[in-house]
Amino acid sequence: MTRIAKVSRKTSETDINIELDIDGTGKYEIDTGVNFFNHMLESFSKHSFIDLKVKAIGDIEIDDHHTVEDVGILLGEAFANAIGDKKGIRRMGHAIVPMDDSVATV
């Protein structure tokens, strides 16, 4: 079973394409025009072993939030499509992750 999705979204503010492979190796190609957001998406892909391609063109000369918002919407859609019938997904989980100067507890 492949858990792959390709989605796109075009609005008056953004034009975004996302490819996602949940069972990947952590490869990524990220270009949102927002450097810190690129870094966060790259880190997410690398550490989750999810292959991720994001190409986003947005009206960042006005504000970054349209790009970040629409990538988030589309990323959720990509995950929903890739997961499909949710077979093998468990309801509960937990993690404690120390990284750099912080600790994330989920």
PDB file of N, CA and C in Angstrom:
ATOM      1  N   MET A   1       0.846  -1.179   0.000  1.00  0.00           N
ATOM      2  CA  MET A   1       0.000   0.000   0.000  1.00  0.00           C
ATOM      3  C   MET A   1       0.891   1.241   0.000  1.00  0.00           C
ATOM      4  N   THR A   2       0.666   2.105  -0.960  1.00  0.00           N
ATOM      5  CA  THR A   2       1.424   3.351  -0.991  1.00  0.00           C
ATOM      6  C   THR A   2       0.607   4.454  -0.344  1.00  0.00           C
ATOM      7  N   ARG A   3       1.273   5.228   0.466  1.00  0.00           N
ATOM      8  CA  ARG A   3       0.601   6.353   1.139  1.00  0.00           C
ATOM      9  C   ARG A   3       1.235   7.639   0.634  1.00  0.00           C
ATOM     10  N   ILE A   4       0.820   7.986  -0.580  1.00  0.00           N
ATOM     11  CA  ILE A   4       1.371   9.127  -1.299  1.00  0.00           C
ATOM     12  C   ILE A   4       0.227  10.044  -1.705  1.00  0.00           C
ATOM     13  N   ALA A   5       0.481  11.344  -1.693  1.00  0.00           N
ATOM     14  CA  ALA A   5      -0.526  12.301  -2.152  1.00  0.00           C
ATOM     15  C   ALA A   5       0.147  13.448  -2.888  1.00  0.00           C
ATOM     16  N   LYS A   6      -0.552  13.948  -3.891  1.00  0.00           N
ATOM     17  CA  LYS A   6      -0.159  15.169  -4.603  1.00  0.00           C
ATOM     18  C   LYS A   6      -1.374  16.078  -4.594  1.00  0.00           C
ATOM     19  N   VAL A   7      -1.195  17.280  -4.087  1.00  0.00           N
ATOM     20  CA  VAL A   7      -2.306  18.230  -4.006  1.00  0.00           C
ATOM     21  C   VAL A   7      -1.823  19.613  -4.431  1.00  0.00           C
ATOM     22  N   SER A   8      -2.757  20.417  -4.893  1.00  0.00           N
ATOM     23  CA  SER A   8      -2.417  21.793  -5.249  1.00  0.00           C
ATOM     24  C   SER A   8      -3.582  22.708  -4.926  1.00  0.00           C
ATOM     25  N   ARG A   9      -3.246  23.975  -4.808  1.00  0.00           N
ATOM     26  CA  ARG A   9      -4.245  24.984  -4.437  1.00  0.00           C
ATOM     27  C   ARG A   9      -3.789  26.309  -5.032  1.00  0.00           C
ATOM     28  N   LYS A  10      -4.713  26.979  -5.702  1.00  0.00           N
ATOM     29  CA  LYS A  10      -4.407  28.288  -6.270  1.00  0.00           C
ATOM     30  C   LYS A  10      -5.499  29.253  -5.849  1.00  0.00           C
ATOM     31  N   THR A  11      -5.080  30.348  -5.230  1.00  0.00           N
ATOM     32  CA  THR A  11      -6.006  31.404  -4.827  1.00  0.00           C
ATOM     33  C   THR A  11      -5.476  32.723  -5.388  1.00  0.00           C
ATOM     34  N   SER A  12      -6.146  33.796  -5.072  1.00  0.00           N
ATOM     35  CA  SER A  12      -5.654  35.107  -5.506  1.00  0.00           C
ATOM     36  C   SER A  12      -4.380  35.504  -4.759  1.00  0.00           C
ATOM     37  N   GLU A  13      -4.075  34.801  -3.663  1.00  0.00           N
ATOM     38  CA  GLU A  13      -2.906  35.132  -2.839  1.00  0.00           C
ATOM     39  C   GLU A  13      -1.755  34.145  -2.978  1.00  0.00           C
ATOM     40  N   THR A  14      -2.050  32.881  -3.313  1.00  0.00           N
ATOM     41  CA  THR A  14      -1.013  31.852  -3.349  1.00  0.00           C
ATOM     42  C   THR A  14      -1.236  30.860  -4.482  1.00  0.00           C
ATOM     43  N   ASP A  15      -0.155  30.170  -4.841  1.00  0.00           N
ATOM     44  CA  ASP A  15      -0.186  29.059  -5.794  1.00  0.00           C
ATOM     45  C   ASP A  15       0.750  28.000  -5.216  1.00  0.00           C
ATOM     46  N   ILE A  16       0.183  26.878  -4.758  1.00  0.00           N
ATOM     47  CA  ILE A  16       0.956  25.905  -3.979  1.00  0.00           C
ATOM     48  C   ILE A  16       0.778  24.497  -4.536  1.00  0.00           C
ATOM     49  N   ASN A  17       1.886  23.750  -4.585  1.00  0.00           N
ATOM     50  CA  ASN A  17       1.877  22.331  -4.948  1.00  0.00           C
ATOM     51  C   ASN A  17       2.629  21.565  -3.870  1.00  0.00           C
ATOM     52  N   ILE A  18       2.026  20.469  -3.424  1.00  0.00           N
ATOM     53  CA  ILE A  18       2.645  19.632  -2.391  1.00  0.00           C
ATOM     54  C   ILE A  18       2.596  18.175  -2.826  1.00  0.00           C
ATOM     55  N   GLU A  19       3.719  17.480  -2.647  1.00  0.00           N
ATOM     56  CA  GLU A  19       3.797  16.030  -2.810  1.00  0.00           C
ATOM     57  C   GLU A  19       4.295  15.460  -1.493  1.00  0.00           C
ATOM     58  N   LEU A  20       3.682  14.360  -1.076  1.00  0.00           N
ATOM     59  CA  LEU A  20       3.963  13.804   0.244  1.00  0.00           C
ATOM     60  C   LEU A  20       3.973  12.284   0.162  1.00  0.00           C
ATOM     61  N   ASP A  21       4.984  11.656   0.740  1.00  0.00           N
ATOM     62  CA  ASP A  21       5.062  10.193   0.839  1.00  0.00           C
ATOM     63  C   ASP A  21       5.302   9.854   2.303  1.00  0.00           C
ATOM     64  N   ILE A  22       4.253   9.386   2.962  1.00  0.00           N
ATOM     65  CA  ILE A  22       4.330   9.087   4.393  1.00  0.00           C
ATOM     66  C   ILE A  22       5.370   8.010   4.685  1.00  0.00           C
ATOM     67  N   ASP A  23       5.555   7.079   3.763  1.00  0.00           N
ATOM     68  CA  ASP A  23       6.493   5.977   3.976  1.00  0.00           C
ATOM     69  C   ASP A  23       7.825   6.231   3.269  1.00  0.00           C
ATOM     70  N   GLY A  24       8.251   7.475   3.256  1.00  0.00           N
ATOM     71  CA  GLY A  24       9.483   7.858   2.575  1.00  0.00           C
ATOM     72  C   GLY A  24      10.715   7.675   3.439  1.00  0.00           C
ATOM     73  N   THR A  25      11.728   8.473   3.136  1.00  0.00           N
ATOM     74  CA  THR A  25      13.015   8.380   3.834  1.00  0.00           C
ATOM     75  C   THR A  25      13.450   9.706   4.445  1.00  0.00           C
ATOM     76  N   GLY A  26      12.627  10.736   4.281  1.00  0.00           N
ATOM     77  CA  GLY A  26      12.985  12.045   4.819  1.00  0.00           C
ATOM     78  C   GLY A  26      13.590  12.982   3.796  1.00  0.00           C
ATOM     79  N   LYS A  27      13.420  12.663   2.512  1.00  0.00           N
ATOM     80  CA  LYS A  27      13.900  13.565   1.456  1.00  0.00           C
ATOM     81  C   LYS A  27      12.943  14.744   1.350  1.00  0.00           C
ATOM     82  N   TYR A  28      13.492  15.898   1.011  1.00  0.00           N
ATOM     83  CA  TYR A  28      12.629  17.074   0.885  1.00  0.00           C
ATOM     84  C   TYR A  28      13.143  18.036  -0.170  1.00  0.00           C
ATOM     85  N   GLU A  29      12.208  18.746  -0.765  1.00  0.00           N
ATOM     86  CA  GLU A  29      12.465  19.891  -1.639  1.00  0.00           C
ATOM     87  C   GLU A  29      11.441  20.937  -1.235  1.00  0.00           C
ATOM     88  N   ILE A  30      11.885  21.948  -0.528  1.00  0.00           N
ATOM     89  CA  ILE A  30      10.973  22.947   0.034  1.00  0.00           C
ATOM     90  C   ILE A  30      11.336  24.330  -0.501  1.00  0.00           C
ATOM     91  N   ASP A  31      10.352  25.026  -1.049  1.00  0.00           N
ATOM     92  CA  ASP A  31      10.544  26.413  -1.476  1.00  0.00           C
ATOM     93  C   ASP A  31       9.236  27.164  -1.271  1.00  0.00           C
ATOM     94  N   THR A  32       9.150  27.872  -0.148  1.00  0.00           N
ATOM     95  CA  THR A  32       7.945  28.651   0.153  1.00  0.00           C
ATOM     96  C   THR A  32       8.178  30.150   0.020  1.00  0.00           C
ATOM     97  N   GLY A  33       9.437  30.552  -0.092  1.00  0.00           N
ATOM     98  CA  GLY A  33       9.746  31.971  -0.091  1.00  0.00           C
ATOM     99  C   GLY A  33       9.875  32.554   1.310  1.00  0.00           C
ATOM    100  N   VAL A  34       9.635  31.714   2.320  1.00  0.00           N
ATOM    101  CA  VAL A  34       9.719  32.143   3.726  1.00  0.00           C
ATOM    102  C   VAL A  34      10.794  31.264   4.376  1.00  0.00           C
ATOM    103  N   ASN A  35      11.979  31.819   4.580  1.00  0.00           N
ATOM    104  CA  ASN A  35      13.137  31.016   4.985  1.00  0.00           C
ATOM    105  C   ASN A  35      12.926  30.201   6.253  1.00  0.00           C
ATOM    106  N   PHE A  36      12.401  30.806   7.298  1.00  0.00           N
ATOM    107  CA  PHE A  36      12.223  30.053   8.540  1.00  0.00           C
ATOM    108  C   PHE A  36      11.182  28.946   8.367  1.00  0.00           C
ATOM    109  N   PHE A  37      10.126  29.222   7.618  1.00  0.00           N
ATOM    110  CA  PHE A  37       9.107  28.206   7.342  1.00  0.00           C
ATOM    111  C   PHE A  37       9.721  27.056   6.542  1.00  0.00           C
ATOM    112  N   ASN A  38      10.579  27.374   5.564  1.00  0.00           N
ATOM    113  CA  ASN A  38      11.299  26.323   4.834  1.00  0.00           C
ATOM    114  C   ASN A  38      12.062  25.434   5.810  1.00  0.00           C
ATOM    115  N   HIS A  39      12.791  26.060   6.721  1.00  0.00           N
ATOM    116  CA  HIS A  39      13.581  25.323   7.714  1.00  0.00           C
ATOM    117  C   HIS A  39      12.697  24.394   8.551  1.00  0.00           C
ATOM    118  N   MET A  40      11.558  24.883   8.994  1.00  0.00           N
ATOM    119  CA  MET A  40      10.669  24.066   9.823  1.00  0.00           C
ATOM    120  C   MET A  40      10.117  22.877   9.036  1.00  0.00           C
ATOM    121  N   LEU A  41       9.718  23.100   7.791  1.00  0.00           N
ATOM    122  CA  LEU A  41       9.204  22.005   6.962  1.00  0.00           C
ATOM    123  C   LEU A  41      10.303  20.994   6.634  1.00  0.00           C
ATOM    124  N   GLU A  42      11.516  21.479   6.387  1.00  0.00           N
ATOM    125  CA  GLU A  42      12.650  20.584   6.143  1.00  0.00           C
ATOM    126  C   GLU A  42      12.936  19.723   7.366  1.00  0.00           C
ATOM    127  N   SER A  43      12.935  20.334   8.540  1.00  0.00           N
ATOM    128  CA  SER A  43      13.172  19.586   9.784  1.00  0.00           C
ATOM    129  C   SER A  43      12.082  18.554  10.011  1.00  0.00           C
ATOM    130  N   PHE A  44      10.841  18.945   9.772  1.00  0.00           N
ATOM    131  CA  PHE A  44       9.711  18.018   9.906  1.00  0.00           C
ATOM    132  C   PHE A  44       9.910  16.806   8.999  1.00  0.00           C
ATOM    133  N   SER A  45      10.236  17.038   7.744  1.00  0.00           N
ATOM    134  CA  SER A  45      10.425  15.955   6.784  1.00  0.00           C
ATOM    135  C   SER A  45      11.588  15.053   7.189  1.00  0.00           C
ATOM    136  N   LYS A  46      12.707  15.655   7.491  1.00  0.00           N
ATOM    137  CA  LYS A  46      13.917  14.905   7.836  1.00  0.00           C
ATOM    138  C   LYS A  46      13.711  14.005   9.048  1.00  0.00           C
ATOM    139  N   HIS A  47      13.148  14.555  10.115  1.00  0.00           N
ATOM    140  CA  HIS A  47      13.038  13.807  11.366  1.00  0.00           C
ATOM    141  C   HIS A  47      11.850  12.844  11.400  1.00  0.00           C
ATOM    142  N   SER A  48      10.878  13.036  10.518  1.00  0.00           N
ATOM    143  CA  SER A  48       9.722  12.129  10.474  1.00  0.00           C
ATOM    144  C   SER A  48       9.888  11.049   9.412  1.00  0.00           C
ATOM    145  N   PHE A  49      10.940  11.152   8.592  1.00  0.00           N
ATOM    146  CA  PHE A  49      11.155  10.239   7.465  1.00  0.00           C
ATOM    147  C   PHE A  49       9.991  10.272   6.478  1.00  0.00           C
ATOM    148  N   ILE A  50       9.364  11.421   6.366  1.00  0.00           N
ATOM    149  CA  ILE A  50       8.297  11.640   5.389  1.00  0.00           C
ATOM    150  C   ILE A  50       8.897  12.447   4.241  1.00  0.00           C
ATOM    151  N   ASP A  51       8.792  11.919   3.008  1.00  0.00           N
ATOM    152  CA  ASP A  51       9.266  12.676   1.851  1.00  0.00           C
ATOM    153  C   ASP A  51       8.286  13.808   1.580  1.00  0.00           C
ATOM    154  N   LEU A  52       8.817  14.999   1.336  1.00  0.00           N
ATOM    155  CA  LEU A  52       7.958  16.168   1.194  1.00  0.00           C
ATOM    156  C   LEU A  52       8.516  17.118   0.143  1.00  0.00           C
ATOM    157  N   LYS A  53       7.661  17.473  -0.810  1.00  0.00           N
ATOM    158  CA  LYS A  53       7.983  18.515  -1.788  1.00  0.00           C
ATOM    159  C   LYS A  53       6.937  19.604  -1.635  1.00  0.00           C
ATOM    160  N   VAL A  54       7.395  20.822  -1.443  1.00  0.00           N
ATOM    161  CA  VAL A  54       6.493  21.971  -1.329  1.00  0.00           C
ATOM    162  C   VAL A  54       7.031  23.083  -2.220  1.00  0.00           C
ATOM    163  N   LYS A  55       6.215  23.527  -3.150  1.00  0.00           N
ATOM    164  CA  LYS A  55       6.530  24.698  -3.967  1.00  0.00           C
ATOM    165  C   LYS A  55       5.389  25.678  -3.765  1.00  0.00           C
ATOM    166  N   ALA A  56       5.698  26.808  -3.165  1.00  0.00           N
ATOM    167  CA  ALA A  56       4.667  27.800  -2.859  1.00  0.00           C
ATOM    168  C   ALA A  56       5.090  29.170  -3.367  1.00  0.00           C
ATOM    169  N   ILE A  57       4.194  29.793  -4.095  1.00  0.00           N
ATOM    170  CA  ILE A  57       4.377  31.176  -4.526  1.00  0.00           C
ATOM    171  C   ILE A  57       3.264  31.964  -3.861  1.00  0.00           C
ATOM    172  N   GLY A  58       3.642  32.950  -3.065  1.00  0.00           N
ATOM    173  CA  GLY A  58       2.645  33.728  -2.341  1.00  0.00           C
ATOM    174  C   GLY A  58       2.940  35.212  -2.398  1.00  0.00           C
ATOM    175  N   ASP A  59       2.009  35.983  -1.907  1.00  0.00           N
ATOM    176  CA  ASP A  59       2.156  37.439  -1.889  1.00  0.00           C
ATOM    177  C   ASP A  59       2.950  37.880  -0.657  1.00  0.00           C
ATOM    178  N   ILE A  60       4.185  37.338  -0.544  1.00  0.00           N
ATOM    179  CA  ILE A  60       4.987  37.602   0.653  1.00  0.00           C
ATOM    180  C   ILE A  60       5.441  39.056   0.751  1.00  0.00           C
ATOM    181  N   GLU A  61       5.313  39.805  -0.328  1.00  0.00           N
ATOM    182  CA  GLU A  61       5.620  41.232  -0.239  1.00  0.00           C
ATOM    183  C   GLU A  61       4.567  41.956   0.604  1.00  0.00           C
ATOM    184  N   ILE A  62       3.386  41.356   0.721  1.00  0.00           N
ATOM    185  CA  ILE A  62       2.334  41.893   1.592  1.00  0.00           C
ATOM    186  C   ILE A  62       2.494  41.327   2.998  1.00  0.00           C
ATOM    187  N   ASP A  63       2.569  39.979   3.085  1.00  0.00           N
ATOM    188  CA  ASP A  63       2.739  39.313   4.383  1.00  0.00           C
ATOM    189  C   ASP A  63       2.993  37.832   4.140  1.00  0.00           C
ATOM    190  N   ASP A  64       3.730  37.190   5.050  1.00  0.00           N
ATOM    191  CA  ASP A  64       4.016  35.755   4.945  1.00  0.00           C
ATOM    192  C   ASP A  64       2.824  34.886   5.308  1.00  0.00           C
ATOM    193  N   HIS A  65       1.872  35.427   6.052  1.00  0.00           N
ATOM    194  CA  HIS A  65       0.860  34.562   6.656  1.00  0.00           C
ATOM    195  C   HIS A  65      -0.036  33.881   5.632  1.00  0.00           C
ATOM    196  N   HIS A  66      -0.257  34.467   4.464  1.00  0.00           N
ATOM    197  CA  HIS A  66      -1.081  33.795   3.456  1.00  0.00           C
ATOM    198  C   HIS A  66      -0.410  32.503   2.990  1.00  0.00           C
ATOM    199  N   THR A  67       0.894  32.572   2.767  1.00  0.00           N
ATOM    200  CA  THR A  67       1.642  31.397   2.335  1.00  0.00           C
ATOM    201  C   THR A  67       1.643  30.323   3.415  1.00  0.00           C
ATOM    202  N   VAL A  68       1.955  30.700   4.638  1.00  0.00           N
ATOM    203  CA  VAL A  68       2.007  29.738   5.745  1.00  0.00           C
ATOM    204  C   VAL A  68       0.634  29.105   5.967  1.00  0.00           C
ATOM    205  N   GLU A  69      -0.394  29.920   5.964  1.00  0.00           N
ATOM    206  CA  GLU A  69      -1.761  29.454   6.176  1.00  0.00           C
ATOM    207  C   GLU A  69      -2.179  28.452   5.093  1.00  0.00           C
ATOM    208  N   ASP A  70      -1.961  28.813   3.829  1.00  0.00           N
ATOM    209  CA  ASP A  70      -2.404  27.954   2.736  1.00  0.00           C
ATOM    210  C   ASP A  70      -1.575  26.678   2.624  1.00  0.00           C
ATOM    211  N   VAL A  71      -0.278  26.738   2.935  1.00  0.00           N
ATOM    212  CA  VAL A  71       0.527  25.512   2.974  1.00  0.00           C
ATOM    213  C   VAL A  71      -0.013  24.587   4.063  1.00  0.00           C
ATOM    214  N   GLY A  72      -0.367  25.137   5.223  1.00  0.00           N
ATOM    215  CA  GLY A  72      -0.936  24.327   6.307  1.00  0.00           C
ATOM    216  C   GLY A  72      -2.229  23.650   5.903  1.00  0.00           C
ATOM    217  N   ILE A  73      -3.107  24.382   5.245  1.00  0.00           N
ATOM    218  CA  ILE A  73      -4.375  23.813   4.769  1.00  0.00           C
ATOM    219  C   ILE A  73      -4.102  22.673   3.797  1.00  0.00           C
ATOM    220  N   LEU A  74      -3.205  22.907   2.859  1.00  0.00           N
ATOM    221  CA  LEU A  74      -2.916  21.909   1.835  1.00  0.00           C
ATOM    222  C   LEU A  74      -2.148  20.717   2.392  1.00  0.00           C
ATOM    223  N   LEU A  75      -1.276  20.946   3.361  1.00  0.00           N
ATOM    224  CA  LEU A  75      -0.552  19.843   3.991  1.00  0.00           C
ATOM    225  C   LEU A  75      -1.528  18.914   4.714  1.00  0.00           C
ATOM    226  N   GLY A  76      -2.507  19.484   5.394  1.00  0.00           N
ATOM    227  CA  GLY A  76      -3.544  18.670   6.031  1.00  0.00           C
ATOM    228  C   GLY A  76      -4.321  17.856   5.019  1.00  0.00           C
ATOM    229  N   GLU A  77      -4.651  18.462   3.890  1.00  0.00           N
ATOM    230  CA  GLU A  77      -5.362  17.754   2.824  1.00  0.00           C
ATOM    231  C   GLU A  77      -4.509  16.618   2.258  1.00  0.00           C
ATOM    232  N   ALA A  78      -3.211  16.874   2.083  1.00  0.00           N
ATOM    233  CA  ALA A  78      -2.304  15.847   1.570  1.00  0.00           C
ATOM    234  C   ALA A  78      -2.222  14.661   2.528  1.00  0.00           C
ATOM    235  N   PHE A  79      -2.105  14.934   3.821  1.00  0.00           N
ATOM    236  CA  PHE A  79      -2.077  13.846   4.805  1.00  0.00           C
ATOM    237  C   PHE A  79      -3.376  13.050   4.779  1.00  0.00           C
ATOM    238  N   ALA A  80      -4.502  13.731   4.731  1.00  0.00           N
ATOM    239  CA  ALA A  80      -5.799  13.040   4.697  1.00  0.00           C
ATOM    240  C   ALA A  80      -5.891  12.138   3.467  1.00  0.00           C
ATOM    241  N   ASN A  81      -5.450  12.630   2.323  1.00  0.00           N
ATOM    242  CA  ASN A  81      -5.488  11.825   1.102  1.00  0.00           C
ATOM    243  C   ASN A  81      -4.531  10.643   1.171  1.00  0.00           C
ATOM    244  N   ALA A  82      -3.325  10.869   1.694  1.00  0.00           N
ATOM    245  CA  ALA A  82      -2.322   9.806   1.761  1.00  0.00           C
ATOM    246  C   ALA A  82      -2.712   8.718   2.756  1.00  0.00           C
ATOM    247  N   ILE A  83      -3.310   9.101   3.857  1.00  0.00           N
ATOM    248  CA  ILE A  83      -3.697   8.133   4.890  1.00  0.00           C
ATOM    249  C   ILE A  83      -4.878   7.288   4.429  1.00  0.00           C
ATOM    250  N   GLY A  84      -5.786   7.883   3.677  1.00  0.00           N
ATOM    251  CA  GLY A  84      -6.910   7.128   3.119  1.00  0.00           C
ATOM    252  C   GLY A  84      -7.839   6.591   4.182  1.00  0.00           C
ATOM    253  N   ASP A  85      -7.962   5.256   4.250  1.00  0.00           N
ATOM    254  CA  ASP A  85      -8.912   4.621   5.182  1.00  0.00           C
ATOM    255  C   ASP A  85      -8.387   4.547   6.619  1.00  0.00           C
ATOM    256  N   LYS A  86      -7.219   5.095   6.863  1.00  0.00           N
ATOM    257  CA  LYS A  86      -6.605   5.170   8.198  1.00  0.00           C
ATOM    258  C   LYS A  86      -6.212   3.807   8.766  1.00  0.00           C
ATOM    259  N   LYS A  87      -6.128   2.799   7.909  1.00  0.00           N
ATOM    260  CA  LYS A  87      -5.732   1.472   8.361  1.00  0.00           C
ATOM    261  C   LYS A  87      -4.329   1.523   8.966  1.00  0.00           C
ATOM    262  N   GLY A  88      -4.172   0.956  10.151  1.00  0.00           N
ATOM    263  CA  GLY A  88      -2.884   0.920  10.833  1.00  0.00           C
ATOM    264  C   GLY A  88      -2.581   2.145  11.671  1.00  0.00           C
ATOM    265  N   ILE A  89      -3.480   3.116  11.673  1.00  0.00           N
ATOM    266  CA  ILE A  89      -3.281   4.319  12.477  1.00  0.00           C
ATOM    267  C   ILE A  89      -3.770   4.041  13.891  1.00  0.00           C
ATOM    268  N   ARG A  90      -2.938   4.310  14.862  1.00  0.00           N
ATOM    269  CA  ARG A  90      -3.323   4.102  16.257  1.00  0.00           C
ATOM    270  C   ARG A  90      -3.848   5.391  16.848  1.00  0.00           C
ATOM    271  N   ARG A  91      -4.720   5.262  17.799  1.00  0.00           N
ATOM    272  CA  ARG A  91      -5.401   6.417  18.366  1.00  0.00           C
ATOM    273  C   ARG A  91      -4.527   7.219  19.318  1.00  0.00           C
ATOM    274  N   MET A  92      -3.651   6.573  20.038  1.00  0.00           N
ATOM    275  CA  MET A  92      -2.861   7.252  21.065  1.00  0.00           C
ATOM    276  C   MET A  92      -1.375   7.106  20.773  1.00  0.00           C
ATOM    277  N   GLY A  93      -0.621   8.041  21.294  1.00  0.00           N
ATOM    278  CA  GLY A  93       0.825   7.984  21.189  1.00  0.00           C
ATOM    279  C   GLY A  93       1.438   9.018  22.111  1.00  0.00           C
ATOM    280  N   HIS A  94       2.729   8.922  22.321  1.00  0.00           N
ATOM    281  CA  HIS A  94       3.401   9.928  23.139  1.00  0.00           C
ATOM    282  C   HIS A  94       4.873  10.003  22.725  1.00  0.00           C
ATOM    283  N   ALA A  95       5.472  11.141  23.011  1.00  0.00           N
ATOM    284  CA  ALA A  95       6.888  11.315  22.722  1.00  0.00           C
ATOM    285  C   ALA A  95       7.441  12.448  23.570  1.00  0.00           C
ATOM    286  N   ILE A  96       8.699  12.315  23.937  1.00  0.00           N
ATOM    287  CA  ILE A  96       9.446  13.391  24.584  1.00  0.00           C
ATOM    288  C   ILE A  96      10.714  13.562  23.754  1.00  0.00           C
ATOM    289  N   VAL A  97      10.888  14.754  23.207  1.00  0.00           N
ATOM    290  CA  VAL A  97      11.997  14.983  22.292  1.00  0.00           C
ATOM    291  C   VAL A  97      12.820  16.189  22.728  1.00  0.00           C
ATOM    292  N   PRO A  98      14.035  15.954  23.233  1.00  0.00           N
ATOM    293  CA  PRO A  98      14.929  17.082  23.505  1.00  0.00           C
ATOM    294  C   PRO A  98      15.660  17.462  22.216  1.00  0.00           C
ATOM    295  N   MET A  99      15.657  18.751  21.893  1.00  0.00           N
ATOM    296  CA  MET A  99      16.368  19.210  20.708  1.00  0.00           C
ATOM    297  C   MET A  99      16.869  20.632  20.946  1.00  0.00           C
ATOM    298  N   ASP A 100      18.133  20.822  20.725  1.00  0.00           N
ATOM    299  CA  ASP A 100      18.757  22.124  20.935  1.00  0.00           C
ATOM    300  C   ASP A 100      18.498  22.584  22.370  1.00  0.00           C
ATOM    301  N   ASP A 101      17.848  23.719  22.551  1.00  0.00           N
ATOM    302  CA  ASP A 101      17.612  24.276  23.889  1.00  0.00           C
ATOM    303  C   ASP A 101      16.186  24.063  24.369  1.00  0.00           C
ATOM    304  N   SER A 102      15.500  23.048  23.836  1.00  0.00           N
ATOM    305  CA  SER A 102      14.098  22.857  24.223  1.00  0.00           C
ATOM    306  C   SER A 102      13.768  21.378  24.362  1.00  0.00           C
ATOM    307  N   VAL A 103      12.619  21.118  24.967  1.00  0.00           N
ATOM    308  CA  VAL A 103      12.081  19.766  25.075  1.00  0.00           C
ATOM    309  C   VAL A 103      10.620  19.830  24.658  1.00  0.00           C
ATOM    310  N   ALA A 104      10.259  18.995  23.692  1.00  0.00           N
ATOM    311  CA  ALA A 104       8.860  18.916  23.261  1.00  0.00           C
ATOM    312  C   ALA A 104       8.245  17.658  23.845  1.00  0.00           C
ATOM    313  N   THR A 105       7.103  17.801  24.493  1.00  0.00           N
ATOM    314  CA  THR A 105       6.375  16.666  25.053  1.00  0.00           C
ATOM    315  C   THR A 105       5.013  16.599  24.382  1.00  0.00           C
ATOM    316  N   VAL A 106       4.724  15.459  23.774  1.00  0.00           N
ATOM    317  CA  VAL A 106       3.444  15.280  23.083  1.00  0.00           C
ATOM    318  C   VAL A 106       2.753  14.070  23.662  1.00  0.00           C
TER     319      VAL A 106
END
